[in-house]
Protein backbone atom coordinates (compact mmCIF):
# COMPACT_ATOMS: atom_id res chain seq x y z
CA MET A 1 -255.19 116.55 -52.73
CA ASP A 2 -256.00 120.27 -52.87
CA ALA A 3 -255.68 120.57 -49.08
CA VAL A 4 -252.26 118.92 -49.15
CA LEU A 5 -251.02 121.17 -51.93
CA THR A 6 -252.33 124.25 -50.13
CA GLY A 7 -250.53 123.21 -46.96
CA LEU A 8 -247.29 122.47 -48.78
CA ARG A 9 -247.35 125.86 -50.49
CA ALA A 10 -248.00 127.55 -47.15
CA ALA A 11 -245.05 125.79 -45.52
CA ALA A 12 -242.60 126.03 -48.41
CA GLU A 13 -240.73 129.17 -47.28
CA PRO A 14 -237.81 129.51 -44.82
CA THR A 15 -239.57 131.76 -42.31
CA ARG A 16 -242.69 129.61 -42.31
CA LEU A 17 -240.65 126.48 -41.64
CA ARG A 18 -239.01 128.31 -38.73
CA LEU A 19 -242.49 129.23 -37.46
CA LEU A 20 -243.58 125.62 -37.78
CA ALA A 21 -240.60 124.46 -35.72
CA LEU A 22 -241.14 127.10 -33.04
CA LEU A 23 -244.89 126.59 -32.67
CA ALA A 24 -244.39 122.85 -32.34
CA GLN A 25 -242.89 123.76 -28.93
CA GLY A 26 -246.03 125.51 -27.67
CA ASP A 27 -248.08 128.71 -27.78
CA LEU A 28 -246.41 131.96 -28.83
CA THR A 29 -247.67 135.47 -29.56
CA VAL A 30 -246.79 137.58 -32.60
CA THR A 31 -244.62 139.80 -30.41
CA GLU A 32 -242.70 136.80 -29.10
CA LEU A 33 -242.29 135.39 -32.59
CA THR A 34 -241.02 138.67 -34.05
CA GLY A 35 -238.42 138.86 -31.29
CA ILE A 36 -237.23 135.32 -31.97
CA LEU A 37 -237.21 135.63 -35.76
CA GLY A 38 -235.83 139.17 -35.87
CA GLN A 39 -238.44 140.22 -38.43
CA SER A 40 -241.11 142.92 -38.52
CA GLN A 41 -244.53 142.27 -37.05
CA PRO A 42 -246.43 142.87 -40.33
CA ARG A 43 -244.23 140.34 -42.12
CA VAL A 44 -244.58 137.71 -39.42
CA SER A 45 -248.34 138.33 -39.24
CA ARG A 46 -248.68 137.73 -42.98
CA HIS A 47 -246.87 134.42 -42.70
CA LEU A 48 -249.03 133.38 -39.76
CA LYS A 49 -252.26 134.28 -41.55
CA LEU A 50 -251.30 132.20 -44.56
CA MET A 51 -250.42 129.23 -42.38
CA CYS A 52 -253.67 129.55 -40.42
CA ASP A 53 -255.70 129.77 -43.61
CA SER A 54 -254.06 126.58 -44.86
CA GLY A 55 -254.84 124.71 -41.64
CA LEU A 56 -251.25 124.32 -40.44
CA LEU A 57 -251.74 126.63 -37.46
CA GLU A 58 -254.51 127.82 -35.16
CA ARG A 59 -254.92 131.27 -33.58
CA TYR A 60 -256.47 132.00 -30.18
CA PRO A 61 -257.30 135.60 -29.16
CA GLU A 62 -256.74 136.40 -25.51
CA GLY A 63 -257.69 139.98 -24.73
CA ALA A 64 -255.40 142.23 -26.75
CA TRP A 65 -253.05 139.29 -27.44
CA VAL A 66 -253.31 136.46 -29.95
CA PHE A 67 -251.58 133.12 -29.39
CA TYR A 68 -250.60 130.77 -32.20
CA ARG A 69 -250.08 127.03 -32.09
CA LEU A 70 -249.82 124.06 -34.43
CA ALA A 71 -253.26 122.90 -35.53
CA ALA A 72 -254.52 120.00 -33.44
CA LYS A 73 -256.78 118.36 -36.02
CA GLY A 74 -257.39 118.18 -39.76
CA ASN A 75 -255.30 117.73 -42.88
CA GLY A 76 -253.13 120.71 -42.02
CA ALA A 77 -252.30 119.27 -38.60
CA GLU A 78 -251.31 115.93 -40.13
CA LEU A 79 -249.15 117.67 -42.73
CA ALA A 80 -247.42 119.79 -40.09
CA ARG A 81 -246.59 116.71 -38.03
CA ALA A 82 -245.21 115.00 -41.13
CA LEU A 83 -242.98 117.98 -42.02
CA LEU A 84 -241.46 118.57 -38.59
CA PRO A 85 -239.20 115.46 -38.54
CA LEU A 86 -237.74 116.56 -41.89
CA LEU A 87 -236.32 119.78 -40.42
CA PRO A 88 -232.57 119.31 -39.73
CA GLU A 89 -231.82 119.28 -36.02
CA ALA A 90 -228.35 120.71 -36.60
CA ASP A 91 -229.50 123.69 -38.70
CA ALA A 92 -227.82 126.84 -37.34
CA THR A 93 -230.84 129.10 -37.86
CA LEU A 94 -233.21 126.69 -36.13
CA GLY A 95 -230.70 126.30 -33.33
CA LEU A 96 -230.58 130.06 -32.78
CA ASP A 97 -234.37 130.16 -32.80
CA ARG A 98 -234.43 127.52 -30.06
CA GLN A 99 -232.01 129.56 -27.95
CA ARG A 100 -234.17 132.66 -28.30
CA LEU A 101 -237.27 130.60 -27.50
CA ASP A 102 -235.59 129.49 -24.28
CA SER A 103 -235.11 133.16 -23.38
CA VAL A 104 -238.79 133.90 -24.07
CA ARG A 105 -239.82 130.99 -21.87
CA ALA A 106 -237.50 132.11 -19.09
CA ALA A 107 -239.04 135.59 -19.18
CA ARG A 108 -242.54 134.10 -19.10
CA ALA A 109 -241.62 131.90 -16.16
CA ALA A 110 -240.20 134.89 -14.28
CA ARG A 111 -243.40 136.90 -14.78
CA ALA A 112 -245.54 133.95 -13.74
CA GLN A 113 -243.43 133.34 -10.65
CA ALA A 114 -243.71 137.00 -9.68
CA TYR A 115 -247.51 136.79 -9.85
CA PHE A 116 -247.54 133.49 -7.98
CA THR A 117 -245.23 134.85 -5.29
CA GLU A 118 -247.49 137.86 -4.82
CA ASN A 119 -250.51 135.61 -4.29
CA ALA A 120 -248.83 132.58 -2.75
CA ALA A 121 -249.96 133.40 0.79
CA ARG A 122 -253.60 133.18 -0.27
CA TRP A 123 -253.12 129.79 -1.98
CA ASP A 124 -250.97 128.41 0.83
CA GLU A 125 -253.61 129.36 3.37
CA MET A 126 -256.32 127.57 1.38
CA ARG A 127 -254.19 124.45 0.84
CA SER A 128 -253.62 124.18 4.58
CA LEU A 129 -257.37 123.88 5.18
CA HIS A 130 -258.23 120.87 3.04
CA ALA A 131 -256.92 117.62 1.58
CA ASP A 132 -253.49 117.62 -0.04
CA GLN A 133 -253.63 118.33 -3.77
CA ALA A 134 -251.59 115.20 -4.55
CA GLU A 135 -254.40 113.17 -2.98
CA VAL A 136 -256.92 115.00 -5.17
CA ASP A 137 -254.76 114.29 -8.23
CA ARG A 138 -254.79 110.57 -7.45
CA ALA A 139 -258.56 110.62 -7.05
CA LEU A 140 -258.95 112.34 -10.42
CA VAL A 141 -256.79 109.72 -12.12
CA ALA A 142 -258.77 106.95 -10.42
CA ALA A 143 -262.04 108.45 -11.68
CA ILE A 144 -260.98 108.11 -15.32
CA THR A 145 -259.06 104.83 -15.10
CA GLY A 146 -260.27 102.48 -17.81
CA ARG A 147 -261.71 105.25 -19.97
CA ARG A 148 -260.29 106.45 -23.25
CA VAL A 149 -260.13 110.23 -23.06
CA ARG A 150 -259.39 111.89 -26.37
CA ASP A 151 -260.34 115.42 -25.33
CA LEU A 152 -260.25 116.91 -21.84
CA VAL A 153 -261.73 120.31 -20.99
CA ASP A 154 -260.73 121.82 -17.63
CA MET A 155 -263.07 124.68 -16.70
CA GLY A 156 -261.49 127.46 -14.65
CA THR A 157 -258.07 125.88 -15.02
CA GLY A 158 -256.25 128.33 -12.72
CA THR A 159 -252.61 127.23 -12.45
CA GLY A 160 -253.25 124.26 -14.75
CA ARG A 161 -252.93 121.72 -11.95
CA VAL A 162 -255.62 119.39 -13.35
CA LEU A 163 -253.98 119.45 -16.81
CA GLN A 164 -250.68 118.48 -15.21
CA ALA A 165 -252.30 115.67 -13.22
CA LEU A 166 -254.17 114.19 -16.19
CA ALA A 167 -251.88 114.96 -19.15
CA ALA A 168 -250.46 111.43 -19.23
CA HIS A 169 -253.97 109.94 -19.25
CA VAL A 170 -255.57 111.97 -22.08
CA GLU A 171 -254.77 112.47 -25.75
CA GLN A 172 -255.17 116.23 -25.52
CA GLY A 173 -256.48 118.75 -23.05
CA ILE A 174 -257.49 122.39 -22.93
CA GLY A 175 -257.85 124.55 -19.85
CA LEU A 176 -260.11 127.61 -19.90
CA ASP A 177 -259.80 130.57 -17.54
CA PHE A 178 -260.77 134.23 -17.72
CA SER A 179 -257.70 135.52 -15.86
CA ARG A 180 -254.71 136.26 -18.08
CA GLU A 181 -252.48 136.29 -15.00
CA MET A 182 -253.54 132.77 -14.05
CA LEU A 183 -253.14 131.62 -17.65
CA ALA A 184 -249.57 132.92 -17.60
CA VAL A 185 -248.90 130.80 -14.49
CA ALA A 186 -250.55 127.76 -16.11
CA ARG A 187 -248.51 128.12 -19.31
CA ALA A 188 -245.29 128.37 -17.35
CA ASN A 189 -246.23 125.28 -15.33
CA LEU A 190 -247.05 123.24 -18.44
CA GLU A 191 -243.80 124.30 -20.12
CA ARG A 192 -241.77 123.49 -17.00
CA ALA A 193 -243.34 120.03 -16.88
CA GLY A 194 -242.69 119.45 -20.60
CA ILE A 195 -246.39 118.86 -21.30
CA ARG A 196 -247.11 119.25 -25.01
CA ASN A 197 -250.55 117.67 -25.34
CA CYS A 198 -252.32 120.28 -23.22
CA MET A 199 -252.91 123.99 -23.74
CA VAL A 200 -254.70 126.85 -22.00
CA ARG A 201 -257.00 129.49 -23.45
CA GLN A 202 -258.89 132.50 -22.19
CA GLY A 203 -262.61 131.95 -21.95
CA ASP A 204 -265.77 132.46 -19.91
CA ILE A 205 -266.71 129.16 -18.26
CA THR A 206 -270.41 130.01 -18.52
CA GLN A 207 -270.03 130.37 -22.31
CA LEU A 208 -267.18 128.14 -23.37
CA PRO A 209 -265.67 128.94 -26.80
CA LEU A 210 -266.06 125.28 -27.73
CA PRO A 211 -268.58 123.37 -29.85
CA ALA A 212 -271.16 121.06 -28.32
CA ALA A 213 -270.18 117.42 -27.81
CA SER A 214 -266.46 118.09 -28.16
CA ALA A 215 -265.04 116.54 -24.96
CA ASP A 216 -264.89 113.08 -23.43
CA LEU A 217 -264.01 114.48 -20.01
CA VAL A 218 -264.82 117.81 -18.36
CA THR A 219 -263.34 118.78 -15.00
CA ILE A 220 -264.43 121.64 -12.73
CA HIS A 221 -261.84 121.90 -9.98
CA GLN A 222 -262.47 124.23 -7.02
CA VAL A 223 -264.47 126.64 -9.21
CA LEU A 224 -268.12 126.22 -8.31
CA HIS A 225 -267.81 127.95 -4.93
CA TYR A 226 -266.78 131.15 -6.79
CA ALA A 227 -269.64 130.97 -9.32
CA ALA A 228 -272.70 133.18 -9.04
CA GLU A 229 -274.80 130.38 -10.55
CA PRO A 230 -273.04 127.02 -10.28
CA ALA A 231 -275.89 125.25 -12.07
CA LEU A 232 -275.12 127.25 -15.23
CA VAL A 233 -271.48 126.13 -15.10
CA VAL A 234 -272.60 122.51 -14.82
CA ALA A 235 -275.03 122.97 -17.71
CA GLU A 236 -272.24 124.38 -19.87
CA ALA A 237 -270.03 121.42 -18.97
CA ALA A 238 -272.83 119.08 -20.03
CA ARG A 239 -273.18 120.92 -23.34
CA VAL A 240 -269.59 120.26 -24.39
CA LEU A 241 -269.58 116.63 -23.22
CA ARG A 242 -269.93 113.92 -25.83
CA PRO A 243 -272.47 111.15 -25.25
CA GLY A 244 -270.77 108.68 -22.95
CA GLY A 245 -268.55 111.43 -21.56
CA LEU A 246 -267.75 112.08 -17.91
CA LEU A 247 -267.98 115.20 -15.77
CA VAL A 248 -265.91 115.38 -12.57
CA ALA A 249 -266.62 118.31 -10.26
CA VAL A 250 -264.21 118.85 -7.37
CA ASP A 251 -265.20 121.23 -4.60
CA LEU A 252 -265.82 121.56 -0.88
CA ALA A 253 -268.37 119.84 1.33
CA PRO A 254 -270.60 122.20 3.36
CA HIS A 255 -268.66 124.10 6.03
CA ASP A 256 -269.03 127.17 8.25
CA LEU A 257 -265.81 129.12 7.61
CA GLU A 258 -267.43 132.48 6.92
CA ALA A 259 -264.01 134.14 6.64
CA LEU A 260 -263.58 132.50 3.22
CA ARG A 261 -266.26 134.81 1.84
CA ASP A 262 -264.33 137.97 2.70
CA GLN A 263 -260.74 136.77 2.49
CA HIS A 264 -261.00 134.46 -0.54
CA ALA A 265 -264.13 135.66 -2.38
CA HIS A 266 -266.02 132.40 -1.90
CA ARG A 267 -269.68 132.86 -2.82
CA ARG A 268 -270.73 129.49 -1.42
CA LEU A 269 -269.54 127.63 1.65
CA GLY A 270 -269.48 124.18 0.09
CA PHE A 271 -272.18 122.04 -1.46
CA ALA A 272 -274.42 119.20 -0.37
CA ASP A 273 -274.43 116.02 -2.46
CA SER A 274 -278.14 116.41 -3.17
CA GLU A 275 -277.67 119.94 -4.54
CA VAL A 276 -274.90 118.85 -6.90
CA ALA A 277 -276.95 115.84 -8.01
CA ASP A 278 -279.88 118.13 -8.82
CA TRP A 279 -277.62 120.26 -11.05
CA PHE A 280 -276.40 117.14 -12.82
CA ARG A 281 -279.91 115.85 -13.51
CA ALA A 282 -281.13 119.27 -14.67
CA ALA A 283 -278.26 119.32 -17.18
CA GLY A 284 -279.23 115.88 -18.51
CA LEU A 285 -276.47 114.00 -16.70
CA THR A 286 -276.64 110.89 -14.53
CA PRO A 287 -275.01 111.28 -11.09
CA GLY A 288 -272.28 108.75 -10.36
CA PRO A 289 -269.84 107.85 -7.59
CA ILE A 290 -268.80 110.35 -4.92
CA ALA A 291 -265.36 110.42 -3.30
CA ARG A 292 -264.57 112.31 -0.09
CA LEU A 293 -261.10 113.49 0.91
CA PRO A 294 -261.23 114.79 4.51
CA GLY A 295 -259.02 117.73 5.47
CA HIS A 296 -258.67 119.98 8.49
CA PRO A 297 -261.27 121.42 8.67
CA LEU A 298 -262.45 121.29 5.03
CA THR A 299 -263.41 118.15 3.12
CA VAL A 300 -262.85 117.96 -0.63
CA VAL A 301 -265.50 116.05 -2.61
CA LEU A 302 -265.30 114.61 -6.12
CA TRP A 303 -268.72 114.28 -7.73
CA GLN A 304 -269.04 112.36 -11.00
CA ALA A 305 -271.75 112.35 -13.65
CA ASP A 306 -272.13 110.63 -17.01
CA LYS A 307 -273.77 111.82 -20.19
CA ALA A 308 -276.00 109.14 -21.66
CA ILE A 309 -275.08 107.52 -24.95
CA GLU A 310 -277.70 108.34 -27.55
CA THR A 311 -279.54 105.32 -28.90
CA ALA A 312 -281.03 104.85 -32.34
CA GLY A 313 -284.57 106.13 -32.56
CA ALA A 314 -284.27 108.21 -29.39
CA ARG A 315 -286.24 111.40 -29.45
CA PRO A 316 -284.17 114.63 -29.44
């Protein structure tokens, strides 16, 4: 009862209800929120702190920025979801907030498109060398068909393509990437697609800001060939997997296109099945099915691995 009362007190103020309505639409920074609300940053920050402390919201630092979002779990999250339908759709203030939010999103999308346009040649060149991404998307969906996925973690999410492909098949997803520019592109893509159950966060994929055993599915899509030590990335994926969880690594089969090292910063020119299987076993995972998607000249491979379900009496 105390948690409910704390949450109700934290929400029971006009500005905080406006914040609740806005953050139900996705991630926003303090600067974006002050622009929408027309209030000072210290005042908005105080409201946000109170709502975070009560469990209604969550905050995610990203370099010098901090993003806020409705809490995903806990009593505060349940209370926030219960309050949102009570807010009047026709309220003039909330309507103006929505208009200003649309402007913020449009500005975000413009910045993301500018970055994408600047780098599009590089991505287009890579896409022309291997299997079509839509084919990869279908293979990813096939890999998880029949599984209940509550929590997806996409390591090195880039433009958020995996989140977009799997959003309809998972309860919630989070994409981690170290590049703020790529995260801006991913956010714009998720907003454009109307995806609300997935988010992106800044983070080092060798040290994920996530607790152990917190994901049912981990994906590593076209990341390992950039990694200095791919085995460490796989080990970190295994750490955050729950028992019974699935890891799907998507990357390139061995090839001899040396130009990819200089022109696209590839550290490795693809991976042999045996090498990937060794990483899986070293991380405590059991290698599973392998799918190959031939391209010209590069072949994309999907490697799967399961984390064993702990049994009673098993030694740690």
